[in-house]
N, C-alpha and C. Protein backbone atom coordinates (compact mmCIF):
# COMPACT_ATOMS: atom_id res chain seq x y z
N MET A 1 24.56 -180.54 -199.47
CA MET A 1 25.28 -180.72 -200.81
C MET A 1 26.09 -179.70 -201.11
N VAL A 2 27.49 -179.95 -201.83
CA VAL A 2 28.25 -179.00 -201.81
C VAL A 2 27.67 -178.38 -203.37
N VAL A 3 27.97 -177.11 -203.83
CA VAL A 3 27.40 -176.23 -205.11
C VAL A 3 29.09 -175.90 -205.30
N ALA A 4 29.48 -176.24 -206.84
CA ALA A 4 30.54 -175.90 -207.58
C ALA A 4 30.58 -174.29 -207.71
N TYR A 5 29.29 -173.75 -207.96
CA TYR A 5 29.29 -172.28 -208.00
C TYR A 5 28.13 -171.37 -207.67
N ASP A 6 28.08 -170.35 -207.51
CA ASP A 6 27.34 -169.33 -207.20
C ASP A 6 26.02 -169.40 -207.81
N GLU A 7 24.96 -170.27 -207.14
CA GLU A 7 23.88 -170.13 -207.77
C GLU A 7 22.84 -169.10 -207.78
N LYS A 8 23.04 -168.23 -206.74
CA LYS A 8 22.72 -166.79 -206.86
C LYS A 8 22.94 -165.90 -207.82
N LEU A 9 24.36 -165.90 -208.16
CA LEU A 9 24.68 -165.17 -209.43
C LEU A 9 24.48 -165.83 -210.50
N ALA A 10 24.43 -167.24 -210.52
CA ALA A 10 23.93 -167.71 -212.02
C ALA A 10 22.14 -167.04 -212.32
N GLU A 11 21.25 -166.83 -211.00
CA GLU A 11 20.00 -166.44 -211.21
C GLU A 11 20.11 -164.86 -211.84
N ARG A 12 21.15 -164.32 -211.14
CA ARG A 12 21.44 -163.06 -211.65
C ARG A 12 21.62 -162.40 -213.01
N ILE A 13 22.31 -163.50 -213.52
CA ILE A 13 23.06 -163.48 -214.76
C ILE A 13 22.31 -163.92 -215.67
N GLU A 14 21.37 -164.72 -215.33
CA GLU A 14 19.67 -165.47 -216.45
C GLU A 14 18.87 -164.31 -216.40
N ALA A 15 18.67 -163.47 -215.48
CA ALA A 15 17.52 -162.55 -215.41
C ALA A 15 18.37 -161.35 -216.39
N LEU A 16 19.52 -161.36 -216.50
CA LEU A 16 19.96 -160.24 -217.40
C LEU A 16 20.02 -160.45 -219.09
N LEU A 17 20.50 -161.93 -219.12
CA LEU A 17 20.38 -162.72 -220.52
C LEU A 17 19.07 -163.01 -221.02
N LEU A 18 18.42 -162.06 -221.53
CA LEU A 18 16.86 -162.61 -222.00
C LEU A 18 16.93 -161.94 -223.27
N PRO A 19 16.13 -162.69 -224.82
CA PRO A 19 15.67 -163.82 -223.97
C PRO A 19 16.60 -165.07 -223.60
N ARG A 20 16.37 -166.17 -222.91
CA ARG A 20 17.24 -167.39 -222.34
C ARG A 20 17.41 -168.07 -223.66
N ARG A 21 16.74 -168.20 -224.48
CA ARG A 21 17.05 -169.20 -225.19
C ARG A 21 17.97 -168.82 -226.24
N LYS A 22 18.36 -167.49 -226.45
CA LYS A 22 19.72 -167.05 -226.98
C LYS A 22 21.07 -167.09 -226.05
N TYR A 23 20.68 -167.40 -225.26
CA TYR A 23 22.06 -167.88 -224.46
C TYR A 23 21.97 -168.82 -223.49
N PRO A 24 22.39 -170.11 -224.04
CA PRO A 24 22.14 -171.37 -223.69
C PRO A 24 23.17 -171.73 -222.73
N ALA A 25 23.08 -172.51 -221.48
CA ALA A 25 24.18 -172.43 -220.42
C ALA A 25 24.60 -174.02 -220.52
N LYS A 26 25.74 -174.29 -220.06
CA LYS A 26 26.41 -175.45 -220.11
C LYS A 26 27.41 -175.41 -218.51
N LYS A 27 27.11 -176.72 -217.96
CA LYS A 27 27.77 -176.69 -216.73
C LYS A 27 29.48 -176.98 -217.46
N MET A 28 30.38 -176.25 -217.10
CA MET A 28 31.55 -176.87 -217.26
C MET A 28 32.93 -176.23 -216.41
N PHE A 29 34.01 -176.62 -216.33
CA PHE A 29 35.12 -176.30 -215.50
C PHE A 29 34.59 -175.90 -213.97
N GLY A 30 33.72 -176.86 -213.88
CA GLY A 30 33.09 -176.75 -212.30
C GLY A 30 32.33 -175.67 -212.37
N GLY A 31 31.89 -174.98 -212.85
CA GLY A 31 31.11 -174.11 -212.69
C GLY A 31 29.95 -173.91 -213.97
N ILE A 32 29.46 -172.82 -214.55
CA ILE A 32 28.39 -172.94 -215.52
C ILE A 32 28.97 -171.73 -216.58
N ALA A 33 28.74 -172.21 -217.71
CA ALA A 33 29.40 -170.72 -218.71
C ALA A 33 27.67 -170.57 -219.81
N TYR A 34 27.44 -169.74 -220.28
CA TYR A 34 26.61 -169.11 -221.30
C TYR A 34 26.95 -168.47 -222.34
N PHE A 35 26.30 -169.04 -223.46
CA PHE A 35 27.08 -168.77 -224.77
C PHE A 35 26.14 -168.08 -225.57
N LEU A 36 26.58 -167.52 -226.45
CA LEU A 36 26.09 -166.71 -227.53
C LEU A 36 26.57 -166.68 -228.98
N LYS A 37 25.45 -167.38 -229.82
CA LYS A 37 25.94 -167.95 -231.26
C LYS A 37 27.05 -168.91 -231.05
N GLY A 38 27.17 -169.83 -229.94
CA GLY A 38 28.15 -170.95 -229.82
C GLY A 38 29.10 -170.32 -229.25
N ASN A 39 29.68 -169.09 -228.94
CA ASN A 39 30.87 -168.58 -227.98
C ASN A 39 30.27 -168.54 -226.64
N LEU A 40 31.41 -168.96 -226.17
CA LEU A 40 31.31 -168.71 -224.34
C LEU A 40 31.29 -167.56 -224.28
N CYS A 41 30.46 -166.82 -223.47
CA CYS A 41 30.54 -165.42 -223.30
C CYS A 41 30.76 -164.90 -221.73
N VAL A 42 30.02 -165.39 -221.09
CA VAL A 42 30.23 -164.85 -219.49
C VAL A 42 30.10 -166.61 -218.94
N GLY A 43 30.72 -166.43 -217.69
CA GLY A 43 30.58 -167.62 -216.58
C GLY A 43 30.85 -167.50 -215.29
N ILE A 44 30.33 -168.67 -214.45
CA ILE A 44 30.85 -168.57 -212.85
C ILE A 44 31.64 -169.74 -212.56
N TYR A 45 32.83 -169.08 -212.06
CA TYR A 45 33.87 -170.37 -211.54
C TYR A 45 34.05 -170.16 -210.00
N LYS A 46 33.30 -171.16 -209.24
CA LYS A 46 33.02 -170.99 -207.78
C LYS A 46 32.23 -169.76 -207.63
N ASP A 47 32.52 -168.28 -207.01
CA ASP A 47 31.89 -167.34 -206.80
C ASP A 47 32.12 -166.01 -207.65
N LYS A 48 32.93 -166.36 -208.34
CA LYS A 48 33.54 -165.39 -209.45
C LYS A 48 32.86 -165.20 -210.82
N LEU A 49 32.70 -163.91 -211.33
CA LEU A 49 32.39 -164.06 -212.79
C LEU A 49 33.33 -163.89 -213.76
N ILE A 50 33.16 -164.90 -214.73
CA ILE A 50 34.24 -164.97 -215.82
C ILE A 50 33.64 -164.18 -217.02
N VAL A 51 34.52 -163.31 -217.63
CA VAL A 51 34.38 -162.27 -218.51
C VAL A 51 34.93 -162.34 -219.83
N ARG A 52 34.32 -162.64 -221.33
CA ARG A 52 35.21 -162.85 -221.93
C ARG A 52 35.28 -161.16 -222.86
N LEU A 53 36.46 -160.92 -222.80
CA LEU A 53 36.59 -159.22 -223.40
C LEU A 53 37.45 -159.25 -224.91
N ASP A 54 37.29 -158.58 -225.56
CA ASP A 54 38.42 -158.02 -226.59
C ASP A 54 39.97 -157.92 -225.98
N PRO A 55 40.55 -158.98 -226.20
CA PRO A 55 41.93 -159.00 -225.87
C PRO A 55 42.69 -157.71 -225.87
N THR A 56 42.46 -156.53 -226.70
CA THR A 56 42.83 -155.54 -226.70
C THR A 56 42.66 -154.50 -225.62
N THR A 57 41.21 -154.61 -225.22
CA THR A 57 40.59 -153.80 -224.32
C THR A 57 41.05 -154.60 -222.61
N MET A 58 41.44 -155.79 -222.63
CA MET A 58 41.79 -156.21 -221.64
C MET A 58 42.01 -155.56 -220.48
N PHE A 59 43.31 -155.13 -220.75
CA PHE A 59 44.19 -154.70 -219.72
C PHE A 59 43.69 -153.64 -219.23
N ASP A 60 42.82 -152.59 -219.94
CA ASP A 60 42.26 -151.52 -219.49
C ASP A 60 41.36 -151.61 -218.78
N LEU A 61 40.82 -152.88 -218.82
CA LEU A 61 39.50 -153.16 -217.59
C LEU A 61 39.83 -154.19 -216.43
N LEU A 62 41.46 -154.33 -217.00
CA LEU A 62 41.91 -155.15 -215.56
C LEU A 62 42.21 -153.91 -214.32
N LYS A 63 42.14 -152.91 -214.65
CA LYS A 63 42.45 -151.71 -213.95
C LYS A 63 41.46 -151.52 -212.81
N LYS A 64 40.32 -151.87 -213.18
CA LYS A 64 38.85 -151.77 -212.34
C LYS A 64 39.12 -152.75 -211.14
N PRO A 65 38.60 -152.09 -209.96
CA PRO A 65 38.52 -152.55 -208.69
C PRO A 65 38.42 -154.36 -208.87
N HIS A 66 38.54 -155.39 -208.08
CA HIS A 66 38.10 -156.61 -207.72
C HIS A 66 38.05 -157.24 -209.26
N THR A 67 39.22 -156.95 -209.88
CA THR A 67 39.45 -157.71 -211.28
C THR A 67 40.64 -158.25 -211.23
N HIS A 68 40.92 -159.55 -212.02
CA HIS A 68 42.18 -160.14 -212.19
C HIS A 68 41.82 -161.09 -213.29
N PRO A 69 43.13 -161.48 -214.10
CA PRO A 69 43.28 -162.45 -215.18
C PRO A 69 42.47 -163.61 -214.67
N PHE A 70 41.78 -164.27 -216.00
CA PHE A 70 41.20 -165.48 -215.59
C PHE A 70 42.33 -166.57 -215.70
N ASP A 71 42.78 -167.09 -214.40
CA ASP A 71 43.69 -168.03 -214.32
C ASP A 71 43.50 -169.30 -213.43
N ILE A 72 42.89 -170.47 -213.79
CA ILE A 72 42.68 -171.36 -212.98
C ILE A 72 43.78 -172.41 -213.17
N THR A 73 44.75 -172.40 -213.99
CA THR A 73 45.32 -173.61 -214.35
C THR A 73 46.86 -173.30 -214.56
N GLY A 74 47.25 -172.20 -213.85
CA GLY A 74 48.57 -171.40 -214.00
C GLY A 74 48.91 -170.94 -215.17
N ARG A 75 47.88 -170.90 -216.30
CA ARG A 75 48.50 -170.01 -217.57
C ARG A 75 46.98 -169.22 -217.76
N PRO A 76 47.33 -167.63 -217.31
CA PRO A 76 46.30 -167.01 -217.74
C PRO A 76 45.41 -167.07 -219.37
N MET A 77 44.43 -166.70 -219.47
CA MET A 77 43.90 -166.90 -220.53
C MET A 77 43.76 -165.41 -221.21
N ARG A 78 44.21 -165.47 -222.49
CA ARG A 78 44.08 -163.98 -222.84
C ARG A 78 42.64 -163.79 -223.57
N GLY A 79 42.19 -162.35 -222.86
CA GLY A 79 40.93 -162.09 -223.71
C GLY A 79 39.76 -162.37 -222.26
N TRP A 80 40.24 -162.91 -221.26
CA TRP A 80 39.45 -163.30 -220.27
C TRP A 80 39.84 -162.74 -218.78
N ILE A 81 38.86 -162.20 -218.07
CA ILE A 81 39.07 -161.86 -216.84
C ILE A 81 38.17 -162.62 -215.69
N MET A 82 38.29 -162.59 -214.25
CA MET A 82 37.57 -162.68 -213.56
C MET A 82 37.10 -161.52 -212.46
N VAL A 83 35.88 -161.42 -211.95
CA VAL A 83 35.17 -160.33 -211.34
C VAL A 83 35.07 -161.21 -210.11
N GLU A 84 35.67 -160.60 -208.99
CA GLU A 84 35.40 -160.96 -207.61
C GLU A 84 34.07 -160.62 -207.19
N PRO A 85 33.70 -161.35 -206.14
CA PRO A 85 32.10 -160.85 -205.63
C PRO A 85 31.91 -159.78 -205.14
N ALA A 86 33.10 -159.14 -204.69
CA ALA A 86 33.00 -157.53 -204.16
C ALA A 86 32.72 -156.50 -205.44
N GLY A 87 33.26 -156.99 -206.48
CA GLY A 87 32.59 -156.47 -207.78
C GLY A 87 31.37 -156.39 -208.52
N LEU A 88 30.52 -157.41 -207.82
CA LEU A 88 29.37 -157.61 -208.46
C LEU A 88 28.33 -157.48 -207.49
N LYS A 89 28.60 -156.63 -206.31
CA LYS A 89 27.39 -156.73 -205.52
C LYS A 89 26.33 -155.55 -205.91
N ARG A 90 26.46 -154.54 -206.66
CA ARG A 90 25.58 -153.78 -207.21
C ARG A 90 24.97 -154.48 -208.63
N SER A 91 23.59 -154.48 -208.77
CA SER A 91 23.25 -154.97 -210.33
C SER A 91 23.77 -153.94 -211.27
N ALA A 92 24.09 -153.04 -211.17
CA ALA A 92 24.61 -151.96 -212.38
C ALA A 92 25.84 -152.68 -212.81
N SER A 93 26.76 -153.18 -211.65
CA SER A 93 28.20 -153.40 -211.70
C SER A 93 28.23 -155.02 -212.79
N LEU A 94 27.44 -155.70 -212.46
CA LEU A 94 27.15 -156.98 -213.19
C LEU A 94 26.65 -157.00 -214.37
N LYS A 95 25.59 -155.97 -214.73
CA LYS A 95 25.11 -155.16 -215.90
C LYS A 95 26.30 -154.98 -216.59
N PHE A 96 27.04 -154.48 -216.01
CA PHE A 96 28.39 -153.43 -216.76
C PHE A 96 29.21 -154.57 -217.50
N TRP A 97 29.40 -155.64 -216.59
CA TRP A 97 30.47 -156.78 -217.19
C TRP A 97 29.84 -157.95 -218.28
N ILE A 98 28.74 -157.91 -217.93
CA ILE A 98 27.89 -158.69 -219.11
C ILE A 98 27.88 -157.75 -220.43
N GLN A 99 27.56 -156.74 -220.27
CA GLN A 99 27.18 -155.87 -221.44
C GLN A 99 28.76 -156.07 -222.26
N GLN A 100 29.62 -155.63 -221.60
CA GLN A 100 31.01 -155.86 -222.13
C GLN A 100 31.57 -156.92 -222.85
N ALA A 101 31.12 -158.39 -222.03
CA ALA A 101 31.36 -159.54 -222.72
C ALA A 101 30.38 -159.68 -224.28
N LEU A 102 29.14 -159.32 -224.13
CA LEU A 102 28.07 -159.27 -224.88
C LEU A 102 28.43 -158.41 -226.35
N SER A 103 29.12 -157.09 -225.81
CA SER A 103 29.75 -156.23 -226.92
C SER A 103 30.61 -156.84 -227.59
N TYR A 104 31.74 -157.82 -226.82
CA TYR A 104 32.83 -158.35 -227.92
C TYR A 104 32.12 -159.66 -228.55
N VAL A 105 31.72 -160.35 -227.81
CA VAL A 105 31.28 -161.60 -228.50
C VAL A 105 30.30 -161.47 -229.71
N SER A 106 29.41 -160.74 -229.44
CA SER A 106 28.29 -160.69 -230.45
C SER A 106 29.08 -160.51 -232.03
N LYS A 107 30.22 -159.78 -232.11
CA LYS A 107 30.79 -159.35 -232.95
C LYS A 107 31.63 -160.74 -233.53
N LEU A 108 31.60 -161.79 -232.99
CA LEU A 108 32.55 -162.84 -233.08
C LEU A 108 31.90 -163.89 -234.04
N PRO A 109 32.13 -164.60 -235.05
CA PRO A 109 31.61 -165.38 -236.02
C PRO A 109 30.76 -166.55 -235.03
N LYS A 110 29.75 -166.90 -235.67
CA LYS A 110 28.87 -167.91 -234.94
C LYS A 110 29.93 -169.22 -235.32
N LYS A 111 29.49 -170.23 -234.28
CA LYS A 111 30.35 -171.29 -234.18
C LYS A 111 29.36 -172.41 -234.24
């Protein structure tokens, strides 16, 4: 059976997003997305982490290794980046990116 997204990465994300009921997951765009207060926060597209960020800090964070704009349609999404698997090997790296997303999304109004 072919899996559309990296399930091991999903397990690692879920271990950091506790309590789980606060971060519901939904399968979408061929991957899985995690929400906070109804706002998409982080997700997985194939084997890459999708991170929602403050659009004003996005470009500084894109200078980090193994990152690029989130673009699966030919139109990059502002305020979103993708992190390649090489940038997620260490637990501290994954935690950093999730914290960046949580910091921004926690300030957004509830949907």
